[in-house]
Amino acid sequence: MRKNKGKRTEIPQPIVKSTKSFKKTYSKAEAYVLHLFSILSKWVDKILFSKRYGKLIAVAIAALMFAVVSQDIEGNIFTNQIRSATELKDIKVVTDISLSTYEVVDLPETVNVTITGDAGDVQYASQKKDNYQVLANLSSVGEGTYEVELVPLNFSDKVDVTVNPSVALVTVRKKVSRSFSLGYDFVNMNQMDDIYSLSEPVFDQNEVIIRASDERMQEIAYVKALIDVANKKADFRQDAEIVAYNATGDKLDVDILPTTVGVEVTVSSPHKVVPIRLDFTGELPDGVAIENFTSDQEEVVIYGSEKVLDKLDELVVSIPLNNITKDMSTKTVTVPVKLPNGTAVKGDSLTLSVKVNFGKGKTKTFDSVRVRFANLKEGLGVRNADAIVQSVTVSGSEEIIDKLKAEDIQLVADLQDCEAAGTYDIRLQLKNANNQLRYKIDDDEIEIQIQ
């Protein structure tokens, strides 16, 4: 085999030309990129190290970092949910037993529940509290005592619910019906003007039916219609709520048929003009007496029921005379007037102003003041009635004392409580006494014999 020494393989011309063209193009591109990078580098250096643009670049970098960190935190929140729990108080307890037929004793009216879950779900569920209930399932039981589970109702499936307590020990009793007479109470009397009086109410019906267990029936002491009289000034009609009470005045949870009753009430304003009698109290110095006095009001219009007004003949007002000295000739006393129970005057209150003039005083003793007898029962008599006398000492102004006689002093023994013959100790009373005078009975209690 022969070797071809010194002979070269020649590359075709088209390939040579193509290679040279590629090198030339690459060199141009490389030079262009280097030139572009040089321009960009100079521009960046100019911006970064320029006082004019440096602050803007710093803000942009800070904003970029904040966005990156915030995105990371937000991602963690949505990928890792926070667990939470909260307690809801006073969730209503209901039962599915027929409450018109049965009475359930010792079932709590409300319970507390705890809801647990993701924070967002718990917060949302806690805002729906009014929609929730707890069920005591008694639909399949009759009379007796049972331990019943308390089951939550209407809660979201996204939260766990724990009821506290989770069970209740209840007693189921069958109800019976009974008729009760209807009484009444006026309520909100403090919101009605005292000058008005109310008649006996007239009801559409005077009896009601109550349904309850035998045990609860035994607790009922009375049944009343509550008549609201707030701001009443004229006759009115209303539907009054009916309530049953036990002996201590507590309301009882029973079925009442009907629950309200129609009632009519007459509103009136009975009044009476009565004189004011002044009762001077306090100790006066020796030799000083009430000479005369004037009052800014001598009578007053009193409002109240006819029954109260019939017993009211005068209004006695106490006028205290304190700290009176011998050199004092006059004193004006202003006092609030206390009204009898069950009465009122127009306006919030009554005030009386009295001017008292003082003069020289005198004291006189009447040794034989005859005792008079009142309210002696028919068929009875007082032994030695004409001989019963008492000694009375009277102090006052000279002018009045000089004109006073023993027969002017009315010393009375009230025999209202003397029902039969016998011996009684009776306290003496002064009637129609002059309020400018001071009286002292030697012995204001005497012994008399009824025959």
Protein backbone atom coordinates (compact mmCIF):
# COMPACT_ATOMS: atom_id res chain seq x y z
CA MET A 1 0.00 0.00 0.00
CA ARG A 2 1.43 3.32 -0.98
CA LYS A 3 1.40 6.46 1.12
CA ASN A 4 0.63 9.90 -0.43
CA LYS A 5 3.15 12.05 1.30
CA GLY A 6 2.83 15.86 1.37
CA LYS A 7 -0.63 15.93 -0.13
CA ARG A 8 -3.23 18.25 1.64
CA THR A 9 -6.97 17.97 1.65
CA GLU A 10 -8.48 21.14 0.38
CA ILE A 11 -11.63 22.70 1.98
CA PRO A 12 -14.29 23.66 -0.48
CA GLN A 13 -14.52 27.38 -1.13
CA PRO A 14 -18.20 27.87 -0.19
CA ILE A 15 -17.48 26.64 3.33
CA VAL A 16 -14.50 28.93 3.70
CA LYS A 17 -16.52 31.92 2.66
CA SER A 18 -19.37 31.07 5.05
CA THR A 19 -17.00 30.72 8.03
CA LYS A 20 -15.36 34.07 7.39
CA SER A 21 -18.77 35.76 7.14
CA PHE A 22 -19.92 34.28 10.51
CA LYS A 23 -16.74 35.45 12.29
CA LYS A 24 -17.20 38.90 10.96
CA THR A 25 -20.88 39.08 12.08
CA TYR A 26 -20.05 37.73 15.55
CA SER A 27 -17.31 40.28 16.01
CA LYS A 28 -19.69 43.10 15.13
CA ALA A 29 -22.41 41.83 17.54
CA GLU A 30 -19.90 41.44 20.33
CA ALA A 31 -18.64 44.96 19.81
CA TYR A 32 -22.24 46.29 19.80
CA VAL A 33 -23.17 44.53 23.06
CA LEU A 34 -20.01 45.75 24.79
CA HIS A 35 -20.73 49.26 23.61
CA LEU A 36 -24.39 49.05 24.85
CA PHE A 37 -23.28 47.67 28.24
CA SER A 38 -20.74 50.48 28.58
CA ILE A 39 -23.45 53.08 27.91
CA LEU A 40 -25.88 51.41 30.39
CA SER A 41 -23.15 51.17 33.05
CA LYS A 42 -22.34 54.84 32.74
CA TRP A 43 -26.09 55.69 32.95
CA VAL A 44 -26.60 53.57 36.09
CA ASP A 45 -23.49 55.08 37.74
CA LYS A 46 -24.81 58.52 36.90
CA ILE A 47 -28.19 57.79 38.54
CA LEU A 48 -26.94 55.92 41.63
CA PHE A 49 -24.30 58.48 42.50
CA SER A 50 -26.39 61.49 41.62
CA LYS A 51 -27.81 63.60 44.48
CA ARG A 52 -30.82 64.26 42.34
CA TYR A 53 -31.85 60.62 41.77
CA GLY A 54 -30.33 58.86 44.80
CA LYS A 55 -33.35 59.34 47.11
CA LEU A 56 -35.77 58.08 44.46
CA ILE A 57 -33.72 54.93 44.01
CA ALA A 58 -33.64 54.35 47.81
CA VAL A 59 -37.44 54.67 48.03
CA ALA A 60 -37.93 52.29 45.12
CA ILE A 61 -35.67 49.67 46.70
CA ALA A 62 -37.49 49.99 50.08
CA ALA A 63 -40.86 49.58 48.38
CA LEU A 64 -39.64 46.50 46.59
CA MET A 65 -38.42 44.92 49.83
CA PHE A 66 -41.73 45.75 51.63
CA ALA A 67 -43.72 44.11 48.84
CA VAL A 68 -41.64 40.97 49.06
CA VAL A 69 -41.97 40.72 52.87
CA SER A 70 -45.72 41.48 52.83
CA GLN A 71 -46.33 38.86 50.22
CA ASP A 72 -44.53 36.35 52.40
CA ILE A 73 -46.56 37.25 55.53
CA GLU A 74 -49.84 37.16 53.65
CA GLY A 75 -49.00 33.81 52.27
CA ASN A 76 -48.33 32.51 55.78
CA ILE A 77 -51.70 33.84 57.05
CA PHE A 78 -53.69 32.09 54.36
CA THR A 79 -51.69 28.87 54.55
CA ASN A 80 -51.68 28.68 58.41
CA GLN A 81 -55.16 29.50 59.90
CA ILE A 82 -55.33 30.78 63.56
CA ARG A 83 -57.53 28.75 65.92
CA SER A 84 -59.86 30.58 68.35
CA ALA A 85 -62.62 29.96 70.91
CA THR A 86 -65.30 32.14 72.49
CA GLU A 87 -68.20 31.67 74.94
CA LEU A 88 -71.75 32.70 74.06
CA LYS A 89 -73.94 33.32 77.12
CA ASP A 90 -77.67 32.87 77.64
CA ILE A 91 -78.55 30.74 74.62
CA LYS A 92 -82.27 29.90 74.81
CA VAL A 93 -83.25 26.31 75.63
CA VAL A 94 -86.28 24.89 73.79
CA THR A 95 -88.05 21.57 73.90
CA ASP A 96 -90.11 19.64 71.39
CA ILE A 97 -92.61 18.26 73.91
CA SER A 98 -96.18 19.61 73.80
CA LEU A 99 -96.16 22.37 76.44
CA SER A 100 -99.94 22.67 76.23
CA THR A 101 -100.20 19.13 77.60
CA TYR A 102 -97.10 18.79 79.77
CA GLU A 103 -95.17 20.92 82.24
CA VAL A 104 -91.37 20.57 82.27
CA VAL A 105 -89.76 21.27 85.65
CA ASP A 106 -86.08 22.16 86.23
CA LEU A 107 -85.28 22.72 82.56
CA PRO A 108 -82.91 25.70 82.38
CA GLU A 109 -84.23 28.67 80.41
CA THR A 110 -80.77 29.41 78.99
CA VAL A 111 -77.30 27.85 78.85
CA ASN A 112 -73.83 28.96 77.79
CA VAL A 113 -72.06 27.47 74.77
CA THR A 114 -68.43 27.57 73.66
CA ILE A 115 -67.65 27.67 69.94
CA THR A 116 -64.19 26.68 68.65
CA GLY A 117 -62.69 26.92 65.17
CA ASP A 118 -60.75 29.12 62.80
CA ALA A 119 -60.64 32.70 64.05
CA GLY A 120 -62.63 34.05 61.13
CA ASP A 121 -65.32 31.38 61.42
CA VAL A 122 -65.63 31.88 65.21
CA GLN A 123 -65.93 35.63 64.85
CA TYR A 124 -68.61 35.29 62.18
CA ALA A 125 -70.53 32.65 64.16
CA SER A 126 -70.50 34.75 67.35
CA GLN A 127 -72.30 37.54 65.49
CA LYS A 128 -75.27 35.21 64.80
CA LYS A 129 -76.06 34.55 68.48
CA ASP A 130 -79.77 35.43 68.16
CA ASN A 131 -80.24 32.60 65.64
CA TYR A 132 -79.02 29.88 68.01
CA GLN A 133 -80.99 27.57 70.28
CA VAL A 134 -80.32 24.50 72.40
CA LEU A 135 -82.81 21.61 72.17
CA ALA A 136 -83.94 19.35 75.01
CA ASN A 137 -85.45 16.42 73.10
CA LEU A 138 -88.48 15.16 75.06
CA SER A 139 -90.76 14.32 72.15
CA SER A 140 -90.93 10.61 72.95
CA VAL A 141 -91.37 10.73 76.74
CA GLY A 142 -94.35 10.93 79.09
CA GLU A 143 -94.64 11.80 82.80
CA GLY A 144 -91.53 11.10 84.82
CA THR A 145 -87.99 12.27 85.54
CA TYR A 146 -85.35 12.14 82.80
CA GLU A 147 -81.76 13.10 82.08
CA VAL A 148 -81.93 14.80 78.71
CA GLU A 149 -79.08 15.84 76.44
CA LEU A 150 -78.95 19.49 75.41
CA VAL A 151 -78.21 19.69 71.68
CA PRO A 152 -77.11 22.87 69.87
CA LEU A 153 -79.27 24.03 66.95
CA ASN A 154 -78.61 26.29 63.95
CA PHE A 155 -74.86 26.58 64.49
CA SER A 156 -72.41 26.66 61.56
CA ASP A 157 -70.74 23.39 60.53
CA LYS A 158 -67.42 25.25 60.45
CA VAL A 159 -67.22 25.55 64.25
CA ASP A 160 -67.27 23.03 67.09
CA VAL A 161 -69.94 23.67 69.76
CA THR A 162 -69.79 22.67 73.43
CA VAL A 163 -72.93 23.17 75.60
CA ASN A 164 -72.54 23.94 79.31
CA PRO A 165 -74.25 22.14 80.95
CA SER A 166 -74.59 19.45 78.30
CA VAL A 167 -77.40 17.55 80.09
CA ALA A 168 -80.34 18.47 82.36
CA LEU A 169 -82.31 16.45 84.89
CA VAL A 170 -85.96 17.36 84.29
CA THR A 171 -89.38 16.24 85.52
CA VAL A 172 -92.32 16.02 83.12
CA ARG A 173 -95.82 16.46 84.58
CA LYS A 174 -99.19 16.40 82.89
CA LYS A 175 -101.24 19.59 83.07
CA VAL A 176 -104.79 19.96 84.39
CA SER A 177 -107.23 22.90 84.09
CA ARG A 178 -108.90 24.90 86.84
CA SER A 179 -110.99 28.09 87.08
CA PHE A 180 -109.82 31.04 89.22
CA SER A 181 -111.53 34.28 90.25
CA LEU A 182 -109.88 37.41 88.90
CA GLY A 183 -108.51 40.17 91.14
CA TYR A 184 -106.61 43.27 90.08
CA ASP A 185 -103.76 45.66 90.81
CA PHE A 186 -103.30 49.20 89.52
CA VAL A 187 -99.72 49.55 88.28
CA ASN A 188 -97.65 52.69 87.63
CA MET A 189 -99.62 54.66 90.20
CA ASN A 190 -96.56 56.90 90.64
CA GLN A 191 -97.05 58.05 87.04
CA MET A 192 -100.61 59.29 87.64
CA ASP A 193 -101.38 62.67 89.23
CA ASP A 194 -102.42 62.24 92.86
CA ILE A 195 -105.49 64.46 92.43
CA TYR A 196 -107.22 61.69 90.47
CA SER A 197 -109.09 58.73 91.94
CA LEU A 198 -109.91 55.41 90.31
CA SER A 199 -113.17 53.50 90.48
CA GLU A 200 -113.54 49.78 90.92
CA PRO A 201 -112.66 48.23 87.53
CA VAL A 202 -115.33 46.48 85.47
CA PHE A 203 -114.03 43.35 83.68
CA ASP A 204 -115.36 41.65 80.56
CA GLN A 205 -115.10 38.40 82.56
CA ASN A 206 -114.43 37.72 86.22
CA GLU A 207 -112.88 34.24 85.95
CA VAL A 208 -109.99 32.73 83.99
CA ILE A 209 -108.80 29.18 83.25
CA ILE A 210 -105.33 28.13 84.35
CA ARG A 211 -103.51 25.06 83.04
CA ALA A 212 -100.67 23.64 85.12
CA SER A 213 -99.61 20.50 86.93
CA ASP A 214 -101.35 19.59 90.18
CA GLU A 215 -98.19 20.50 92.09
CA ARG A 216 -98.02 23.96 90.50
CA MET A 217 -101.76 24.53 91.00
CA GLN A 218 -101.24 24.17 94.77
CA GLU A 219 -98.81 27.12 94.66
CA ILE A 220 -101.32 29.59 93.17
CA ALA A 221 -102.48 32.05 95.84
CA TYR A 222 -104.26 34.61 93.64
CA VAL A 223 -104.68 35.68 90.02
CA LYS A 224 -104.68 39.37 89.12
CA ALA A 225 -105.18 41.64 86.14
CA LEU A 226 -102.48 44.35 86.00
CA ILE A 227 -104.16 47.63 85.04
CA ASP A 228 -101.73 50.29 83.81
CA VAL A 229 -102.81 53.77 85.01
CA ALA A 230 -99.76 55.78 83.88
CA ASN A 231 -100.77 59.34 82.88
CA LYS A 232 -104.49 58.56 83.11
CA LYS A 233 -106.73 61.63 83.55
CA ALA A 234 -110.06 60.42 82.17
CA ASP A 235 -112.12 57.23 81.96
CA PHE A 236 -110.32 54.52 79.99
CA ARG A 237 -110.54 50.97 78.67
CA GLN A 238 -107.63 48.61 78.11
CA ASP A 239 -106.62 44.96 77.80
CA ALA A 240 -104.92 44.13 81.09
CA GLU A 241 -102.29 41.41 81.44
CA ILE A 242 -103.28 38.53 83.73
CA VAL A 243 -100.70 37.09 86.14
CA ALA A 244 -100.75 34.28 88.71
CA TYR A 245 -98.84 34.67 92.01
CA ASN A 246 -97.80 32.42 94.86
CA ALA A 247 -98.28 33.34 98.52
CA THR A 248 -95.03 35.34 98.64
CA GLY A 249 -95.96 37.45 95.60
CA ASP A 250 -93.73 35.72 93.05
CA LYS A 251 -95.07 35.27 89.51
CA LEU A 252 -95.78 31.70 88.47
CA ASP A 253 -95.09 30.26 85.03
CA VAL A 254 -98.50 28.78 84.15
CA ASP A 255 -100.83 28.83 81.15
CA ILE A 256 -103.62 31.42 81.59
CA LEU A 257 -106.64 31.51 79.30
CA PRO A 258 -107.13 34.24 78.24
CA THR A 259 -103.78 35.97 78.77
CA THR A 260 -105.43 39.41 78.90
CA VAL A 261 -108.86 40.73 79.85
CA GLY A 262 -110.78 43.82 78.79
CA VAL A 263 -111.36 46.28 81.64
CA GLU A 264 -113.03 49.68 82.07
CA VAL A 265 -112.04 52.18 84.79
CA THR A 266 -113.64 55.49 85.72
CA VAL A 267 -111.24 58.31 86.59
CA SER A 268 -112.56 61.10 88.82
CA SER A 269 -111.17 63.96 90.87
CA PRO A 270 -113.12 64.16 94.18
CA HIS A 271 -112.10 67.10 96.33
CA LYS A 272 -113.09 68.93 99.48
CA VAL A 273 -112.35 72.37 100.95
CA VAL A 274 -111.17 71.94 104.54
CA PRO A 275 -110.07 74.57 107.08
CA ILE A 276 -106.46 74.69 108.29
CA ARG A 277 -106.03 74.53 112.07
CA LEU A 278 -102.66 75.58 113.44
CA ASP A 279 -101.08 73.64 116.29
CA PHE A 280 -98.30 75.71 117.89
CA THR A 281 -95.55 73.64 119.48
CA GLY A 282 -92.42 74.48 121.45
CA GLU A 283 -91.80 76.14 124.81
CA LEU A 284 -92.29 79.90 125.23
CA PRO A 285 -90.38 81.90 127.88
CA ASP A 286 -92.19 82.70 131.11
CA GLY A 287 -94.45 85.70 130.73
CA VAL A 288 -94.57 85.43 126.91
CA ALA A 289 -97.69 84.29 125.05
CA ILE A 290 -99.13 84.28 121.54
CA GLU A 291 -101.10 87.47 121.18
CA ASN A 292 -102.34 86.83 117.64
CA PHE A 293 -101.21 85.36 114.33
CA THR A 294 -101.93 85.52 110.61
CA SER A 295 -101.58 82.77 108.01
CA ASP A 296 -101.20 83.10 104.26
CA GLN A 297 -103.81 80.35 103.84
CA GLU A 298 -106.75 79.45 106.05
CA GLU A 299 -108.23 76.61 104.01
CA VAL A 300 -107.09 74.19 101.34
CA VAL A 301 -108.62 72.07 98.56
CA ILE A 302 -107.84 68.42 99.29
CA TYR A 303 -108.14 65.68 96.64
CA GLY A 304 -108.71 62.03 97.45
CA SER A 305 -111.22 59.22 97.41
CA GLU A 306 -114.74 59.88 98.69
CA LYS A 307 -114.10 57.47 101.55
CA VAL A 308 -111.04 59.39 102.73
CA LEU A 309 -112.58 62.83 102.25
CA ASP A 310 -115.67 61.92 104.28
CA LYS A 311 -113.47 61.45 107.34
CA LEU A 312 -111.52 64.67 106.82
CA ASP A 313 -112.95 67.76 108.58
CA GLU A 314 -109.81 69.85 109.03
CA LEU A 315 -106.11 69.90 108.22
CA VAL A 316 -103.94 70.27 111.32
CA VAL A 317 -100.55 71.90 110.68
CA SER A 318 -97.85 71.95 113.34
CA ILE A 319 -96.08 75.33 113.74
CA PRO A 320 -92.86 75.05 115.75
CA LEU A 321 -92.02 78.07 117.92
CA ASN A 322 -88.38 77.52 118.79
CA ASN A 323 -85.74 79.92 120.09
CA ILE A 324 -88.28 82.55 121.15
CA THR A 325 -86.87 85.19 123.51
CA LYS A 326 -88.66 87.63 125.85
CA ASP A 327 -87.68 90.64 123.73
CA MET A 328 -89.04 89.10 120.53
CA SER A 329 -92.31 90.66 119.38
CA THR A 330 -92.93 88.71 116.16
CA LYS A 331 -91.73 85.72 114.18
CA THR A 332 -92.62 84.32 110.75
CA VAL A 333 -92.54 80.55 110.38
CA THR A 334 -92.75 78.74 107.01
CA VAL A 335 -93.40 74.99 107.07
CA PRO A 336 -94.17 72.24 104.53
CA VAL A 337 -97.60 70.74 105.10
CA LYS A 338 -97.84 66.98 105.53
CA LEU A 339 -101.02 65.71 103.91
CA PRO A 340 -103.06 62.77 105.24
CA ASN A 341 -102.47 59.42 103.57
CA GLY A 342 -104.44 58.98 100.38
CA THR A 343 -104.84 62.72 99.75
CA ALA A 344 -103.18 65.29 97.50
CA VAL A 345 -103.24 68.92 96.48
CA LYS A 346 -102.67 70.52 93.10
CA GLY A 347 -99.01 71.11 92.56
CA ASP A 348 -96.08 69.20 93.95
CA SER A 349 -96.52 70.27 97.58
CA LEU A 350 -98.19 72.67 100.01
CA THR A 351 -96.29 75.22 102.09
CA LEU A 352 -97.75 77.42 104.82
CA SER A 353 -96.35 80.72 106.12
CA VAL A 354 -97.52 82.01 109.51
CA LYS A 355 -96.68 85.32 111.20
CA VAL A 356 -96.94 85.12 115.00
CA ASN A 357 -97.09 88.19 117.29
CA PHE A 358 -96.09 87.83 120.93
CA GLY A 359 -97.32 89.72 124.01
CA LYS A 360 -97.44 89.56 127.77
CA GLY A 361 -98.48 86.15 129.07
CA LYS A 362 -100.63 84.98 131.97
CA THR A 363 -101.39 81.61 133.56
CA LYS A 364 -104.63 80.55 135.24
CA THR A 365 -105.80 77.27 136.77
CA PHE A 366 -109.41 76.05 136.47
CA ASP A 367 -110.02 73.53 139.28
CA SER A 368 -113.43 72.14 138.33
CA VAL A 369 -113.58 71.58 134.59
CA ARG A 370 -116.42 69.16 133.92
CA VAL A 371 -115.56 66.03 131.91
CA ARG A 372 -117.86 65.34 128.97
CA PHE A 373 -118.50 61.86 127.57
CA ALA A 374 -118.66 60.86 123.92
CA ASN A 375 -119.66 57.68 122.04
CA LEU A 376 -121.38 56.02 125.03
CA LYS A 377 -123.10 52.81 123.88
CA GLU A 378 -126.88 52.72 123.97
CA GLY A 379 -128.24 51.24 127.22
CA LEU A 380 -125.11 52.09 129.22
CA GLY A 381 -124.41 54.98 131.61
CA VAL A 382 -121.55 56.57 133.57
CA ARG A 383 -121.79 56.39 137.35
CA ASN A 384 -121.65 59.86 139.00
CA ALA A 385 -121.08 61.50 135.62
CA ASP A 386 -121.92 65.01 136.87
CA ALA A 387 -119.35 64.76 139.65
CA ILE A 388 -116.41 63.89 137.44
CA VAL A 389 -114.24 67.01 137.07
CA GLN A 390 -110.59 67.74 136.39
CA SER A 391 -108.13 70.55 137.01
CA VAL A 392 -106.72 72.35 133.92
CA THR A 393 -104.00 75.04 133.84
CA VAL A 394 -104.11 77.42 130.88
CA SER A 395 -101.40 79.83 129.69
CA GLY A 396 -101.81 82.57 127.12
CA SER A 397 -102.13 86.29 126.54
CA GLU A 398 -103.69 88.30 129.32
CA GLU A 399 -106.55 89.42 127.11
CA ILE A 400 -107.65 85.88 126.26
CA ILE A 401 -107.07 84.40 129.72
CA ASP A 402 -109.14 87.11 131.40
CA LYS A 403 -112.12 86.24 129.20
CA LEU A 404 -111.76 82.42 129.50
CA LYS A 405 -114.27 80.44 131.61
CA ALA A 406 -114.23 76.83 132.83
CA GLU A 407 -117.16 75.91 130.58
CA ASP A 408 -115.15 77.10 127.57
CA ILE A 409 -112.75 74.21 128.11
CA GLN A 410 -114.04 71.02 126.46
CA LEU A 411 -112.51 68.07 128.28
CA VAL A 412 -113.77 64.87 126.64
CA ALA A 413 -113.63 61.16 127.54
CA ASP A 414 -114.17 58.98 124.46
CA LEU A 415 -116.10 55.80 125.45
CA GLN A 416 -116.01 54.18 122.00
CA ASP A 417 -114.24 51.06 123.31
CA CYS A 418 -116.46 50.59 126.38
CA GLU A 419 -118.65 47.75 125.15
CA ALA A 420 -120.17 46.62 128.47
CA ALA A 421 -120.53 47.56 132.15
CA GLY A 422 -117.29 47.73 134.08
CA THR A 423 -114.40 49.93 135.18
CA TYR A 424 -112.25 51.61 132.50
CA ASP A 425 -109.19 53.89 132.41
CA ILE A 426 -109.92 56.60 129.85
CA ARG A 427 -107.48 59.22 128.49
CA LEU A 428 -108.93 62.73 128.37
CA GLN A 429 -108.84 64.86 125.23
CA LEU A 430 -109.19 68.59 124.65
CA LYS A 431 -111.69 69.49 121.93
CA ASN A 432 -111.96 72.82 120.11
CA ALA A 433 -109.06 74.22 122.09
CA ASN A 434 -107.87 77.74 121.36
CA ASN A 435 -104.58 77.30 119.53
CA GLN A 436 -103.20 80.50 121.04
CA LEU A 437 -103.38 78.93 124.48
CA ARG A 438 -101.37 76.24 126.21
CA TYR A 439 -103.30 73.66 128.28
CA LYS A 440 -102.04 71.32 130.98
CA ILE A 441 -104.42 68.72 132.42
CA ASP A 442 -103.66 67.80 136.02
CA ASP A 443 -104.35 64.10 135.33
CA ASP A 444 -105.15 63.28 131.72
CA GLU A 445 -106.22 59.69 132.52
CA ILE A 446 -109.20 58.98 134.78
CA GLU A 447 -111.01 55.90 136.02
CA ILE A 448 -114.74 55.68 135.30
CA GLN A 449 -117.42 53.08 135.95
CA ILE A 450 -119.84 52.10 133.20
CA GLN A 451 -123.19 50.68 134.41
